[in-house]
Amino acid sequence: MSKIKKSDEVIVITGKDKGRRGLVLARIDARFLTVDGVNTVKRATKPNPAKNQLGGLIDKNLPIDVSNIAIFNPLTKKADRVGYKMVDGKKLRVFKSNGEAIGN
């Protein structure tokens, strides 16, 4: 079970986008994931009528390393760590600071 999953709200703790928050869009592999609005670049693309795609500059989200982000705790409004708790035979992800279950 991974500590950060798709659609979790995360905050960047280091790097050029430090302090930015966003939702996890996709998990690339065990180490990298893409976050909405974080690590974006402008990409020049040619038009492709077969894919109904316009040309020009588009914004693209590049992957970011898991070590550079932390899950965002909405109750404390800060970055937090993830722990696990067994409840009724199921393994739940919880915030380390207050023990609340991570909603999803």
Protein backbone atom coordinates (compact mmCIF):
# COMPACT_ATOMS: atom_id res chain seq x y z
CA MET A 1 0.00 0.00 0.00
CA SER A 2 1.50 3.32 -1.06
CA LYS A 3 1.37 6.29 1.26
CA ILE A 4 0.30 8.79 -1.41
CA LYS A 5 -2.40 7.80 -3.90
CA LYS A 6 -4.23 9.27 -6.85
CA SER A 7 -6.59 12.18 -5.98
CA ASP A 8 -4.83 12.92 -2.66
CA GLU A 9 -4.20 16.60 -1.95
CA VAL A 10 -0.47 17.17 -1.54
CA ILE A 11 1.84 20.12 -0.90
CA VAL A 12 5.33 20.61 -2.33
CA ILE A 13 7.91 20.82 0.45
CA THR A 14 11.05 21.57 -1.60
CA GLY A 15 12.06 22.76 -5.04
CA LYS A 16 10.95 25.53 -7.39
CA ASP A 17 7.24 25.00 -6.60
CA LYS A 18 7.66 24.94 -2.81
CA GLY A 19 4.38 25.70 -1.01
CA ARG A 20 2.10 24.87 -3.95
CA ARG A 21 -0.81 22.50 -3.42
CA GLY A 22 -2.54 20.24 -5.89
CA LEU A 23 -4.23 16.91 -6.47
CA VAL A 24 -2.27 13.85 -7.55
CA LEU A 25 -3.24 13.15 -11.17
CA ALA A 26 -1.35 9.92 -11.80
CA ARG A 27 1.23 7.66 -10.30
CA ILE A 28 4.07 7.11 -12.81
CA ASP A 29 5.94 4.47 -10.78
CA ALA A 30 6.95 3.90 -7.17
CA ARG A 31 9.05 7.06 -7.09
CA PHE A 32 7.38 9.62 -9.40
CA LEU A 33 3.89 11.07 -9.74
CA THR A 34 2.22 14.00 -11.46
CA VAL A 35 0.46 16.73 -9.50
CA ASP A 36 -2.02 19.22 -10.97
CA GLY A 37 -0.41 22.67 -11.32
CA VAL A 38 3.01 21.58 -10.05
CA ASN A 39 6.19 21.24 -12.15
CA THR A 40 4.49 22.58 -15.28
CA VAL A 41 6.33 23.49 -18.47
CA LYS A 42 5.32 25.09 -21.76
CA ARG A 43 5.49 22.64 -24.66
CA ALA A 44 5.40 23.68 -28.33
CA THR A 45 3.22 21.25 -30.31
CA LYS A 46 2.30 20.91 -33.95
CA PRO A 47 -1.35 20.63 -34.91
CA ASN A 48 -2.62 17.08 -35.40
CA PRO A 49 -5.99 16.93 -37.17
CA ALA A 50 -6.23 13.17 -36.69
CA LYS A 51 -6.32 13.60 -32.91
CA ASN A 52 -8.34 16.85 -33.09
CA GLN A 53 -5.39 18.65 -31.47
CA LEU A 54 -4.54 22.33 -32.00
CA GLY A 55 -0.97 23.51 -32.31
CA GLY A 56 0.80 26.09 -30.18
CA LEU A 57 2.09 26.32 -26.64
CA ILE A 58 0.42 24.01 -24.13
CA ASP A 59 1.03 23.53 -20.41
CA LYS A 60 2.28 20.08 -19.48
CA ASN A 61 2.65 18.57 -15.99
CA LEU A 62 5.95 16.76 -15.56
CA PRO A 63 6.50 14.09 -12.90
CA ILE A 64 7.80 15.08 -9.47
CA ASP A 65 9.69 12.90 -7.00
CA VAL A 66 7.69 11.57 -4.04
CA SER A 67 10.38 12.81 -1.62
CA ASN A 68 9.61 16.42 -2.62
CA ILE A 69 5.94 16.32 -1.61
CA ALA A 70 3.91 15.61 1.52
CA ILE A 71 0.23 14.93 2.02
CA PHE A 72 -1.79 18.01 3.03
CA ASN A 73 -3.81 17.82 6.24
CA PRO A 74 -6.91 20.06 5.88
CA LEU A 75 -7.51 20.21 9.65
CA THR A 76 -4.07 21.57 10.56
CA LYS A 77 -3.51 23.31 7.18
CA LYS A 78 0.03 21.87 7.07
CA ALA A 79 2.02 19.09 5.48
CA ASP A 80 1.75 15.80 7.33
CA ARG A 81 3.10 12.27 7.36
CA VAL A 82 1.09 9.12 6.70
CA GLY A 83 0.67 6.26 9.13
CA TYR A 84 -1.41 3.11 9.16
CA LYS A 85 -4.03 1.82 11.57
CA MET A 86 -5.94 -1.48 11.61
CA VAL A 87 -9.71 -0.98 11.92
CA ASP A 88 -12.05 -3.97 11.68
CA GLY A 89 -9.36 -6.01 9.95
CA LYS A 90 -8.75 -3.32 7.32
CA LYS A 91 -5.62 -1.24 6.96
CA LEU A 92 -6.43 2.50 6.94
CA ARG A 93 -4.17 5.44 6.13
CA VAL A 94 -4.15 8.06 8.90
CA PHE A 95 -2.46 11.40 9.50
CA LYS A 96 0.43 11.08 11.97
CA SER A 97 -0.26 14.41 13.69
CA ASN A 98 -3.85 13.80 14.81
CA GLY A 99 -4.66 10.17 13.89
CA GLU A 100 -7.59 11.11 11.64
CA ALA A 101 -8.34 8.83 8.69
CA ILE A 102 -7.35 10.13 5.26
CA GLY A 103 -10.57 10.53 3.29
CA ASN A 104 -10.97 8.90 -0.13
